[in-house]
Amino acid sequence: MSAQLAQTPIPYIPHARAGRITDQVLDHIIRAAQASQVGQTLTDADAALILVTLPQLAEELRQRRAAMDLISDVTDLDNVLFMPSPAPAG
């Protein structure tokens, strides 16, 4: 029976991921991270929020940089004006 257990593959369980990261969540992450940079103590919840959202934020940043690199490779950006996003409704 122990030989059978040794051959049983361990199931893969994906890492937890945060849900949709809204502007409100981003603001919370920014405040917590800035507080930690100046030596303020983080709550366990703030530290967990930073850790659980960091991979998604870094991936989004990497994808955005790749998209901007592609756009700049095929477009003359000197005549492109990037408009700010509209403010969220109240």
Protein backbone atom coordinates (compact mmCIF):
# COMPACT_ATOMS: atom_id res chain seq x y z
CA MET A 1 0.00 0.00 0.00
CA SER A 2 2.85 2.42 0.68
CA ALA A 3 4.14 1.91 -2.89
CA GLN A 4 0.74 2.97 -4.18
CA LEU A 5 0.79 6.10 -2.04
CA ALA A 6 4.28 6.99 -3.24
CA GLN A 7 3.08 6.95 -6.87
CA THR A 8 -0.02 9.04 -6.27
CA PRO A 9 0.64 12.50 -7.69
CA ILE A 10 0.12 15.44 -5.39
CA PRO A 11 -2.73 17.54 -6.78
CA TYR A 12 -1.79 20.99 -8.01
CA ILE A 13 -3.52 23.77 -6.13
CA PRO A 14 -3.08 27.18 -7.78
CA HIS A 15 -2.03 30.14 -5.65
CA ALA A 16 -4.77 32.42 -4.41
CA ARG A 17 -5.39 35.55 -6.44
CA ALA A 18 -7.11 38.74 -5.50
CA GLY A 19 -10.37 39.64 -7.17
CA ARG A 20 -10.80 42.67 -9.41
CA ILE A 21 -8.49 45.42 -8.24
CA THR A 22 -10.60 48.57 -8.24
CA ASP A 23 -9.35 52.14 -7.89
CA GLN A 24 -10.49 52.07 -4.26
CA VAL A 25 -8.37 48.95 -3.62
CA LEU A 26 -5.42 50.56 -5.45
CA ASP A 27 -5.73 53.62 -3.20
CA HIS A 28 -5.68 51.36 -0.13
CA ILE A 29 -2.60 49.49 -1.43
CA ILE A 30 -0.81 52.78 -2.14
CA ARG A 31 -1.53 54.17 1.33
CA ALA A 32 -0.40 50.96 3.04
CA ALA A 33 2.76 50.64 0.95
CA GLN A 34 3.70 54.29 1.47
CA ALA A 35 3.16 53.92 5.22
CA SER A 36 5.48 50.92 5.28
CA GLN A 37 8.15 52.85 3.36
CA VAL A 38 8.34 55.47 6.11
CA GLY A 39 8.53 52.90 8.89
CA GLN A 40 4.91 52.81 10.01
CA THR A 41 3.65 49.45 11.19
CA LEU A 42 1.36 47.63 8.78
CA THR A 43 -1.66 45.72 9.93
CA ASP A 44 -1.75 42.05 8.98
CA ALA A 45 -4.62 42.86 6.61
CA ASP A 46 -2.65 45.62 4.84
CA ALA A 47 0.40 43.38 4.47
CA ALA A 48 -1.75 40.55 3.12
CA LEU A 49 -3.44 42.95 0.67
CA ILE A 50 -0.08 44.08 -0.71
CA LEU A 51 1.19 40.52 -1.05
CA VAL A 52 -1.93 39.06 -2.65
CA THR A 53 -2.33 41.86 -5.21
CA LEU A 54 1.31 42.44 -6.15
CA PRO A 55 1.55 39.63 -8.75
CA GLN A 56 -1.53 40.87 -10.62
CA LEU A 57 -0.37 44.49 -10.52
CA ALA A 58 3.09 43.58 -11.77
CA GLU A 59 1.61 41.44 -14.58
CA GLU A 60 -0.71 44.27 -15.64
CA LEU A 61 2.21 46.71 -15.64
CA ARG A 62 4.32 44.33 -17.71
CA GLN A 63 1.49 43.87 -20.23
CA ARG A 64 0.89 47.62 -20.42
CA ARG A 65 4.59 48.26 -21.05
CA ALA A 66 4.61 45.63 -23.79
CA ALA A 67 1.54 47.21 -25.40
CA MET A 68 3.07 50.68 -25.23
CA ASP A 69 6.32 49.36 -26.72
CA LEU A 70 4.36 47.80 -29.57
CA ILE A 71 2.39 51.00 -30.16
CA SER A 72 5.55 53.10 -30.17
CA ASP A 73 7.20 50.67 -32.61
CA VAL A 74 4.41 51.02 -35.17
CA THR A 75 3.23 54.59 -34.49
CA ASP A 76 4.72 58.04 -34.36
CA LEU A 77 3.77 58.96 -30.79
CA ASP A 78 4.78 62.60 -31.25
CA ASN A 79 1.33 63.35 -32.61
CA VAL A 80 -0.63 61.12 -30.18
CA LEU A 81 -2.35 62.72 -27.19
CA PHE A 82 -3.37 60.32 -24.42
CA MET A 83 -6.61 61.43 -22.83
CA PRO A 84 -7.22 60.85 -19.12
CA SER A 85 -9.84 58.31 -18.11
CA PRO A 86 -13.20 59.77 -17.12
CA ALA A 87 -13.78 60.18 -13.42
CA PRO A 88 -15.83 57.33 -11.91
CA ALA A 89 -19.50 58.06 -11.41
CA GLY A 90 -20.33 59.11 -7.92
